[in-house]
Protein backbone atom coordinates (compact mmCIF):
# COMPACT_ATOMS: atom_id res chain seq x y z
CA MET A 1 85.63 -57.19 10.27
CA GLU A 2 82.98 -54.84 10.03
CA LYS A 3 79.43 -56.52 10.09
CA ILE A 4 77.39 -55.69 6.96
CA SER A 5 73.59 -54.94 7.63
CA GLU A 6 70.98 -56.82 5.75
CA ASN A 7 69.93 -53.42 4.40
CA LYS A 8 73.45 -52.69 3.17
CA LYS A 9 73.73 -56.08 1.44
CA ASN A 10 70.29 -55.63 -0.36
CA GLU A 11 71.41 -52.42 -1.80
CA LYS A 12 73.20 -54.36 -4.41
CA ASN A 13 69.86 -55.78 -5.64
CA MET A 14 68.19 -52.53 -5.83
CA PHE A 15 67.73 -50.02 -8.69
CA PRO A 16 68.85 -46.39 -7.73
CA ASP A 17 65.17 -45.71 -6.57
CA LYS A 18 65.27 -48.67 -4.46
CA THR A 19 62.91 -50.94 -5.94
CA GLU A 20 64.23 -54.40 -6.25
CA ILE A 21 66.26 -55.81 -9.44
CA ASP A 22 64.40 -58.76 -10.88
CA LYS A 23 65.96 -62.22 -10.92
CA TRP A 24 65.44 -62.01 -14.72
CA PHE A 25 68.73 -59.75 -14.79
CA TYR A 26 70.69 -62.40 -13.08
CA ASP A 27 70.02 -65.14 -15.46
CA THR A 28 72.83 -64.99 -18.38
CA THR A 29 72.26 -68.60 -19.58
CA ILE A 30 72.96 -68.89 -23.49
CA PRO A 31 70.44 -71.20 -24.86
CA ASN A 32 71.40 -74.54 -26.33
CA ILE A 33 71.35 -74.73 -30.29
CA ASN A 34 70.57 -78.44 -30.13
CA LYS A 35 67.10 -77.37 -28.49
CA TYR A 36 65.71 -76.20 -31.94
CA LYS A 37 65.23 -77.98 -35.38
CA LYS A 38 68.06 -76.54 -37.50
CA TYR A 39 67.76 -75.24 -41.04
CA TYR A 40 71.42 -75.01 -42.56
CA ILE A 41 71.43 -72.12 -44.99
CA ASP A 42 74.04 -73.83 -47.21
CA ASP A 43 71.46 -76.29 -48.07
CA TYR A 44 69.36 -73.72 -49.54
CA CYS A 45 71.86 -71.29 -51.11
CA THR A 46 75.70 -70.83 -51.70
CA PRO A 47 77.97 -68.66 -49.97
CA ASN A 48 78.76 -65.59 -52.10
CA ILE A 49 80.07 -62.05 -51.62
CA THR A 50 78.72 -60.41 -54.85
CA GLU A 51 75.61 -62.05 -55.66
CA ILE A 52 72.59 -60.67 -53.28
CA GLN A 53 70.68 -63.65 -51.64
CA THR A 54 67.79 -61.67 -49.81
CA GLU A 55 65.09 -63.68 -51.60
CA LYS A 56 66.39 -67.16 -50.99
CA ILE A 57 67.33 -66.33 -47.32
CA GLN A 58 64.03 -64.64 -46.77
CA LYS A 59 62.00 -67.70 -48.24
CA LEU A 60 63.85 -70.08 -45.99
CA ILE A 61 62.79 -67.76 -42.87
CA ASP A 62 59.17 -68.07 -43.97
CA THR A 63 59.45 -71.72 -44.47
CA ILE A 64 60.90 -72.04 -40.74
CA SER A 65 58.06 -69.95 -39.44
CA ASN A 66 55.37 -71.86 -41.16
CA ASN A 67 56.29 -74.98 -39.25
CA GLU A 68 54.33 -74.09 -36.03
CA LYS A 69 54.67 -77.39 -34.43
CA GLU A 70 58.40 -76.61 -33.45
CA ARG A 71 60.63 -73.55 -33.09
CA GLY A 72 63.28 -73.51 -35.61
CA ILE A 73 66.70 -72.02 -35.99
CA LEU A 74 68.51 -70.44 -39.17
CA VAL A 75 71.93 -71.65 -39.25
CA ILE A 76 74.44 -69.39 -41.02
CA LYS A 77 77.26 -71.35 -41.84
CA GLY A 78 80.00 -72.29 -44.56
CA GLY A 79 80.81 -68.79 -45.46
CA TYR A 80 79.87 -65.26 -46.23
CA TYR A 81 76.32 -64.40 -47.27
CA TYR A 82 75.62 -61.13 -49.06
CA THR A 83 72.04 -59.71 -48.63
CA SER A 84 69.61 -56.75 -47.84
CA SER A 85 66.87 -56.47 -45.24
CA LEU A 86 65.85 -59.72 -43.88
CA PHE A 87 62.76 -60.08 -41.57
CA LEU A 88 62.77 -62.70 -38.73
CA LYS A 89 59.51 -64.07 -37.94
CA SER A 90 57.82 -66.07 -35.05
CA ASN A 91 59.37 -69.42 -34.14
CA VAL A 92 62.50 -68.48 -36.18
CA ASN A 93 65.79 -68.05 -34.29
CA LEU A 94 68.96 -67.06 -35.87
CA TYR A 95 72.59 -68.55 -35.25
CA ILE A 96 75.81 -67.53 -37.10
CA GLU A 97 78.56 -69.90 -36.68
CA LYS A 98 82.15 -68.91 -36.16
CA ASP A 99 83.99 -67.67 -39.32
CA SER A 100 80.65 -67.23 -40.98
CA LYS A 101 79.03 -63.77 -41.81
CA ILE A 102 76.03 -61.97 -42.89
CA ILE A 103 77.29 -59.19 -45.03
CA GLY A 104 74.97 -56.16 -45.89
CA SER A 105 74.33 -54.75 -49.44
CA ASN A 106 76.05 -51.47 -49.82
CA ASN A 107 73.36 -50.25 -52.41
CA ILE A 108 70.46 -48.66 -50.69
CA LEU A 109 68.13 -49.37 -53.47
CA ASP A 110 68.21 -52.95 -52.35
CA TYR A 111 66.59 -51.94 -49.19
CA PRO A 112 62.69 -51.36 -49.22
CA LEU A 113 61.17 -48.00 -47.90
CA MET A 114 58.73 -48.73 -45.10
CA GLU A 115 57.47 -47.50 -41.81
CA THR A 116 60.11 -47.53 -39.47
CA ARG A 117 61.51 -45.98 -36.20
CA ILE A 118 64.53 -43.71 -36.47
CA GLU A 119 66.05 -40.68 -34.58
CA GLY A 120 63.03 -40.27 -32.10
CA GLU A 121 60.43 -40.64 -34.55
CA THR A 122 58.29 -42.95 -36.48
CA CYS A 123 58.39 -42.34 -40.32
CA ILE A 124 58.94 -43.75 -43.67
CA TYR A 125 62.80 -44.85 -43.95
CA TYR A 126 64.95 -47.86 -44.66
CA PRO A 127 64.76 -50.94 -42.23
CA ALA A 128 67.83 -52.57 -40.87
CA LEU A 129 69.71 -55.48 -42.36
CA ILE A 130 68.15 -57.82 -39.87
CA ASN A 131 64.62 -56.94 -38.42
CA ALA A 132 62.32 -58.43 -35.95
CA ASN A 133 58.89 -56.92 -34.97
CA ASN A 134 56.38 -58.30 -32.69
CA ILE A 135 57.97 -61.43 -31.70
CA ASN A 136 58.35 -63.00 -28.30
CA ASN A 137 61.20 -65.25 -27.27
CA LEU A 138 63.79 -64.54 -29.95
CA ILE A 139 67.34 -65.72 -29.65
CA ILE A 140 69.98 -64.30 -32.10
CA PHE A 141 73.42 -65.64 -31.34
CA GLY A 142 76.52 -67.32 -32.28
CA GLU A 143 80.19 -66.43 -32.79
CA GLY A 144 79.96 -65.05 -36.18
CA ILE A 145 79.57 -61.47 -37.60
CA ILE A 146 76.99 -59.31 -38.83
CA ASP A 147 78.90 -56.92 -41.25
CA GLY A 148 77.00 -53.56 -42.37
CA ASN A 149 79.62 -53.06 -45.30
CA GLY A 150 79.36 -49.24 -44.68
CA LEU A 151 82.21 -47.73 -46.35
CA ILE A 152 80.25 -46.31 -49.37
CA PHE A 153 77.61 -45.12 -47.18
CA TRP A 154 80.19 -43.28 -44.84
CA LYS A 155 81.92 -41.57 -47.70
CA ARG A 156 78.77 -40.28 -49.24
CA PHE A 157 77.55 -38.92 -45.94
CA TRP A 158 80.66 -36.99 -45.43
CA ASN A 159 80.38 -35.70 -49.05
CA ARG A 160 76.83 -34.32 -48.43
CA ARG A 161 77.95 -32.80 -45.21
CA LYS A 162 80.58 -30.86 -46.99
CA LYS A 163 78.23 -29.40 -49.40
CA ASN A 164 75.53 -28.98 -46.89
CA PRO A 165 76.86 -28.72 -43.08
CA LYS A 166 73.08 -28.61 -41.94
CA CYS A 167 72.07 -31.83 -43.51
CA LEU A 168 70.32 -34.16 -41.13
CA ASN A 169 71.87 -37.73 -40.44
CA LYS A 170 68.70 -39.39 -42.11
CA ASP A 171 69.19 -37.18 -45.34
CA GLU A 172 71.90 -39.45 -46.53
CA GLN A 173 69.94 -42.75 -46.48
CA ARG A 174 71.58 -45.88 -44.91
CA PRO A 175 70.40 -48.83 -43.00
CA ARG A 176 71.20 -50.05 -39.42
CA LEU A 177 72.59 -53.64 -38.71
CA LEU A 178 69.69 -54.92 -36.11
CA PHE A 179 66.33 -53.42 -35.53
CA ILE A 180 64.32 -55.22 -32.81
CA SER A 181 60.79 -53.59 -32.13
CA ASN A 182 57.57 -54.60 -30.26
CA CYS A 183 59.40 -57.64 -28.93
CA LYS A 184 59.66 -59.41 -25.42
CA ASN A 185 62.19 -61.89 -24.23
CA VAL A 186 65.15 -61.39 -26.73
CA ILE A 187 68.78 -62.55 -26.15
CA ILE A 188 71.37 -61.38 -28.33
CA SER A 189 74.79 -63.07 -27.47
CA ASN A 190 78.34 -63.67 -28.61
CA LEU A 191 77.95 -61.86 -32.13
CA THR A 192 80.25 -59.18 -33.63
CA PHE A 193 78.43 -56.45 -35.19
CA CYS A 194 80.77 -54.18 -37.55
CA ASN A 195 80.84 -51.55 -40.14
CA SER A 196 77.01 -50.49 -39.79
CA PRO A 197 76.23 -47.83 -42.23
CA PHE A 198 74.22 -46.11 -39.51
CA TRP A 199 73.11 -46.99 -35.84
CA THR A 200 74.61 -50.58 -35.10
CA THR A 201 71.68 -52.05 -33.02
CA HIS A 202 68.49 -50.27 -32.08
CA ILE A 203 65.65 -51.76 -29.72
CA TYR A 204 62.51 -50.09 -29.52
CA LYS A 205 59.36 -50.54 -27.55
CA SER A 206 60.40 -53.82 -26.23
CA GLU A 207 60.80 -55.43 -22.83
CA ASN A 208 63.35 -58.00 -21.49
CA ILE A 209 66.30 -57.69 -23.92
CA LYS A 210 69.77 -59.31 -23.14
CA TYR A 211 73.04 -58.43 -24.93
CA LEU A 212 75.60 -60.87 -23.52
CA ASN A 213 79.23 -61.07 -24.76
CA CYS A 214 78.72 -58.98 -28.03
CA LYS A 215 81.34 -56.90 -29.80
CA PHE A 216 80.75 -53.71 -31.72
CA TYR A 217 83.12 -52.05 -33.97
CA SER A 218 83.02 -49.02 -36.26
CA PRO A 219 86.14 -46.95 -37.60
CA ILE A 220 87.28 -43.47 -36.92
CA LYS A 221 89.73 -43.53 -39.62
CA PRO A 222 90.64 -43.65 -42.35
CA VAL A 223 87.13 -42.74 -43.00
CA LYS A 224 84.82 -42.03 -39.98
CA ALA A 225 81.76 -44.04 -39.52
CA PRO A 226 79.12 -41.37 -38.74
CA SER A 227 76.34 -42.09 -36.21
CA THR A 228 77.30 -45.77 -35.68
CA ASP A 229 76.22 -45.99 -31.99
CA GLY A 230 76.71 -49.54 -30.68
CA ILE A 231 73.23 -49.98 -28.91
CA ASP A 232 70.30 -47.59 -29.03
CA ILE A 233 67.46 -48.03 -26.38
CA ASP A 234 64.47 -46.38 -27.49
CA PHE A 235 61.26 -46.62 -25.23
CA CYS A 236 62.38 -50.12 -23.75
CA LYS A 237 62.18 -51.76 -20.28
CA ASN A 238 64.27 -54.27 -18.71
CA VAL A 239 67.43 -54.17 -20.63
CA LEU A 240 70.67 -56.08 -19.68
CA ILE A 241 74.18 -55.33 -21.60
CA LYS A 242 76.73 -57.64 -19.89
CA LYS A 243 80.21 -58.23 -20.84
CA CYS A 244 80.27 -56.47 -24.14
CA PHE A 245 82.93 -54.70 -25.99
CA PHE A 246 82.45 -51.56 -27.74
CA ASP A 247 84.86 -49.45 -30.16
CA VAL A 248 82.52 -47.35 -32.20
CA ASN A 249 82.65 -43.74 -33.87
CA ASP A 250 79.69 -42.45 -31.60
CA ASP A 251 78.01 -43.36 -28.51
CA ALA A 252 78.57 -46.90 -27.25
CA ILE A 253 75.04 -47.04 -25.55
CA ALA A 254 72.36 -44.28 -25.99
CA LEU A 255 69.26 -43.77 -24.46
CA LYS A 256 66.52 -42.55 -26.96
CA GLY A 257 62.74 -42.34 -26.53
CA GLY A 258 61.36 -39.29 -28.67
CA LYS A 259 62.26 -35.71 -29.49
CA GLY A 260 60.46 -32.41 -30.07
CA PRO A 261 58.16 -30.09 -28.20
CA TYR A 262 55.39 -32.26 -27.96
CA ALA A 263 57.41 -35.65 -27.72
CA ASP A 264 55.85 -36.43 -24.49
CA SER A 265 52.28 -36.72 -25.74
CA ASP A 266 53.08 -38.97 -28.69
CA GLU A 267 52.15 -42.63 -27.98
CA ASN A 268 54.94 -43.71 -30.43
CA ASN A 269 57.44 -42.26 -27.80
CA GLY A 270 58.07 -43.33 -24.11
CA PRO A 271 60.54 -44.03 -21.17
CA ASN A 272 63.56 -46.36 -20.71
CA GLU A 273 63.27 -48.02 -17.34
CA ASN A 274 65.46 -50.67 -15.74
CA VAL A 275 68.75 -50.77 -17.70
CA LEU A 276 71.57 -52.60 -16.35
CA ILE A 277 74.95 -52.52 -17.85
CA GLU A 278 77.75 -54.39 -16.36
CA ASP A 279 81.22 -55.81 -16.89
CA CYS A 280 81.58 -54.06 -20.11
CA GLU A 281 84.72 -52.59 -21.84
CA PHE A 282 84.65 -49.36 -24.08
CA ASN A 283 87.66 -48.64 -26.08
CA PHE A 284 87.03 -45.55 -28.34
CA ALA A 285 83.53 -44.07 -28.24
CA HIS A 286 82.02 -40.45 -27.99
CA SER A 287 80.33 -41.73 -24.80
CA CYS A 288 80.19 -45.01 -22.72
CA LEU A 289 76.64 -43.95 -21.79
CA THR A 290 74.52 -41.21 -23.10
CA CYS A 291 71.30 -39.85 -22.18
CA GLY A 292 70.53 -38.75 -25.87
CA SER A 293 69.20 -35.84 -27.68
CA GLU A 294 66.08 -37.90 -28.67
CA THR A 295 65.09 -38.80 -25.16
CA ILE A 296 62.05 -37.74 -22.87
CA HIS A 297 62.32 -39.99 -19.53
CA ASN A 298 65.10 -42.48 -18.39
CA ARG A 299 64.71 -43.88 -15.02
CA ASN A 300 66.66 -46.46 -13.01
CA ILE A 301 69.95 -46.72 -15.27
CA ILE A 302 72.85 -48.59 -13.85
CA MET A 303 76.34 -48.68 -15.16
CA THR A 304 78.83 -50.64 -13.08
CA ASN A 305 82.06 -52.70 -13.07
CA CYS A 306 83.23 -51.39 -16.54
CA LEU A 307 86.55 -50.27 -18.15
CA SER A 308 86.63 -46.99 -20.27
CA ILE A 309 89.77 -47.00 -22.06
CA LYS A 310 89.68 -43.76 -24.48
CA ALA A 311 86.13 -42.66 -24.60
CA ASN A 312 85.46 -38.96 -24.83
CA ASN A 313 82.73 -39.19 -22.10
CA LEU A 314 81.81 -41.65 -19.32
CA LEU A 315 78.38 -40.26 -18.72
CA ARG A 316 76.86 -37.56 -21.20
CA ILE A 317 73.45 -36.26 -20.44
CA LYS A 318 72.33 -34.20 -23.45
CA MET A 319 69.62 -31.52 -22.23
CA ARG A 320 67.57 -30.57 -25.34
CA PRO A 321 65.64 -27.25 -24.75
CA ASP A 322 63.02 -27.98 -27.41
CA THR A 323 61.93 -31.45 -25.88
CA PRO A 324 60.53 -32.12 -22.61
CA GLN A 325 63.16 -34.37 -20.65
CA LEU A 326 63.60 -36.01 -17.34
CA ASN A 327 66.45 -38.18 -16.30
CA GLU A 328 66.34 -39.88 -12.99
CA PHE A 329 67.91 -42.41 -10.81
CA ILE A 330 70.99 -43.07 -12.71
CA SER A 331 73.88 -44.58 -11.07
CA ILE A 332 77.60 -44.91 -12.17
CA SER A 333 79.90 -47.06 -9.95
CA ASN A 334 83.08 -49.17 -9.97
CA ILE A 335 84.68 -47.68 -13.07
CA ASN A 336 88.22 -47.70 -13.88
CA GLY A 337 90.39 -46.31 -17.09
CA PHE A 338 90.32 -43.02 -19.03
CA ALA A 339 87.62 -40.74 -20.29
CA LYS A 340 88.30 -37.27 -21.52
CA ASN A 341 85.05 -36.07 -19.29
CA ILE A 342 83.94 -38.01 -16.31
CA ILE A 343 80.57 -36.41 -16.42
CA ASN A 344 79.11 -34.18 -19.12
CA ILE A 345 75.91 -32.40 -18.80
CA ASN A 346 74.99 -29.45 -21.28
CA LYS A 347 72.75 -27.84 -23.35
CA TRP A 348 72.07 -29.57 -26.68
CA THR A 349 70.65 -27.37 -29.59
CA GLN A 350 71.51 -29.23 -32.95
CA PHE A 351 68.55 -28.97 -35.28
CA PHE A 352 66.54 -26.99 -32.51
CA ASP A 353 62.95 -26.49 -33.31
CA LEU A 354 60.10 -25.39 -30.91
CA LYS A 355 57.59 -25.85 -33.76
CA GLY A 356 55.95 -22.74 -32.34
CA ARG A 357 55.30 -23.96 -28.80
CA THR A 358 55.91 -21.34 -26.27
CA ASP A 359 55.21 -23.13 -22.92
CA ILE A 360 57.70 -26.06 -23.05
CA PRO A 361 58.82 -27.11 -19.59
CA LYS A 362 62.27 -27.28 -18.29
CA GLY A 363 64.46 -30.36 -18.63
CA ILE A 364 64.99 -32.25 -15.46
CA THR A 365 67.97 -34.27 -14.31
CA LYS A 366 68.01 -35.37 -10.77
CA ASN A 367 68.95 -38.36 -8.55
CA ILE A 368 72.23 -38.92 -10.26
CA GLY A 369 75.09 -40.93 -8.34
CA LEU A 370 78.77 -41.62 -9.09
CA SER A 371 80.76 -43.84 -6.63
CA ASN A 372 83.82 -45.90 -6.41
CA ILE A 373 85.46 -44.51 -9.65
CA ASN A 374 89.20 -44.51 -10.22
CA MET A 375 89.98 -42.62 -13.61
CA LYS A 376 92.25 -40.13 -15.44
CA CYS A 377 90.52 -37.66 -17.52
CA ASP A 378 90.87 -34.32 -19.26
CA CYS A 379 87.98 -32.78 -17.22
CA PHE A 380 86.07 -34.32 -14.41
CA TYR A 381 83.17 -32.30 -14.06
CA ASN A 382 82.08 -30.86 -17.41
CA VAL A 383 78.68 -29.64 -16.09
CA LYS A 384 76.87 -26.34 -17.00
CA LYS A 385 74.25 -24.46 -15.35
CA SER A 386 71.38 -23.06 -17.56
CA ASP A 387 67.95 -21.36 -17.23
CA LYS A 388 66.75 -24.30 -19.69
CA TYR A 389 67.08 -27.12 -17.41
CA ASP A 390 67.20 -27.92 -13.52
CA LEU A 391 69.85 -30.25 -12.03
CA SER A 392 69.34 -31.76 -8.47
CA ASN A 393 70.34 -34.25 -5.86
CA PHE A 394 73.56 -35.47 -7.16
CA MET A 395 75.73 -37.79 -5.11
CA LEU A 396 79.46 -38.13 -5.41
CA ASN A 397 81.05 -40.96 -3.23
CA ASN A 398 84.69 -42.18 -3.34
CA LEU A 399 86.04 -40.72 -6.41
CA ASN A 400 89.77 -40.90 -7.19
CA ILE A 401 90.22 -38.79 -10.27
CA LYS A 402 93.29 -37.45 -11.84
CA ALA A 403 92.38 -34.67 -14.15
CA LYS A 404 93.89 -32.00 -16.29
CA LYS A 405 90.85 -29.80 -15.01
CA ASN A 406 88.64 -30.08 -12.20
CA CYS A 407 85.86 -27.70 -12.77
CA PHE A 408 83.89 -29.13 -9.86
CA ASN A 409 81.29 -26.91 -8.45
CA GLU A 410 78.76 -28.16 -6.00
CA LYS A 411 76.33 -25.26 -6.70
CA PHE A 412 75.64 -26.38 -10.31
CA ALA A 413 73.37 -29.22 -9.15
CA GLU A 414 70.87 -28.28 -6.14
CA ASN A 415 71.60 -30.50 -3.35
CA THR A 416 74.91 -32.01 -4.13
CA ILE A 417 76.40 -34.22 -1.70
CA TYR A 418 79.89 -35.49 -1.82
CA LYS A 419 82.28 -37.60 0.26
CA ASP A 420 85.76 -38.75 -0.46
CA LEU A 421 86.15 -36.84 -3.50
CA ASN A 422 89.82 -36.78 -4.37
CA VAL A 423 90.73 -34.96 -7.57
CA GLU A 424 94.41 -34.37 -8.49
CA LYS A 425 95.94 -32.39 -11.12
CA LEU A 426 97.09 -34.42 -13.99
CA LYS A 427 100.38 -32.92 -15.75
């Protein structure tokens, strides 16, 4: 038996740039509900799927928060609760019991206009169904469901798009399901998120966020749920996504951070660093992982030990020529299943606008590694060269691919290194 060197063993505990993965990433303990003072929602309001109960639930959240002596937990039990935007506060955790639901109002007028973050910019828009801002040590968990009730929003979006094909996503106003901003040490576990009108969950300018054993659903028929990403990571550091399931009509996991020709000089924008995605399963999604069109810098991103069942892309990198972009140290390993494209890197020009800037730098994608991948696909290497961006230092190792089209060209990325690259023709 080959003796494994200490350096080789330690590589498993390293991010792609060879910095050590903090032990925080290996602690997947789900907190015990009995550690907290419980406030049962059915003691304060009656389950109802037609009468909006935002005011009663928010009042209970405020009551829990005002008890500064001990951390409390709002327990959703006894049925379904219909509400619009709720704002969690310090000392308040949220637990949703099995067979219980929080259901979002499908009337946008029930949601207050306010400053929030959406699609790579900070602006006046609608908050999410569940919101948490500037909170440390927050837990949102249980075996219940957060349901966005999005059908009306989806139909209105597609009607607007028929009338105006150039309309923006935000033009048809709709809320997200969960928005976490300016928070540290957040655990989101065991919940099911479904039918979001817009992005399903969105974490912004936050650190140490864990998604454990969660499920994300939005339909592709009979009405497509537009822009219903599972998880949008926006200017965050230290994110763990483990044992989650995705079946959504957009990207399963999308990296955001800002957009526009001056995005890298805006203090509201920033990088995503140290993201570990492991043991996840992707049914349908536009991409399992996307470096999105609203991103400026992604570094140390790992996706490993995952299954793709019918995603359009395993890894997609959208190179936006009106935004300074840097994607570096991304590792995709130990993946099985099917995707239409294994790797897709192309120019993205939707809503292109240089705003008069003429000296915008080239986008850069470098230090990309794919290893130990056994998949079927339509196209293995959907990568295009462009004078708008530079690609370099791609490492492909032990890939067993059955593809309708290969399209691999080592010259598309400067200094491409490959070993044990086996691509068979898929009939």
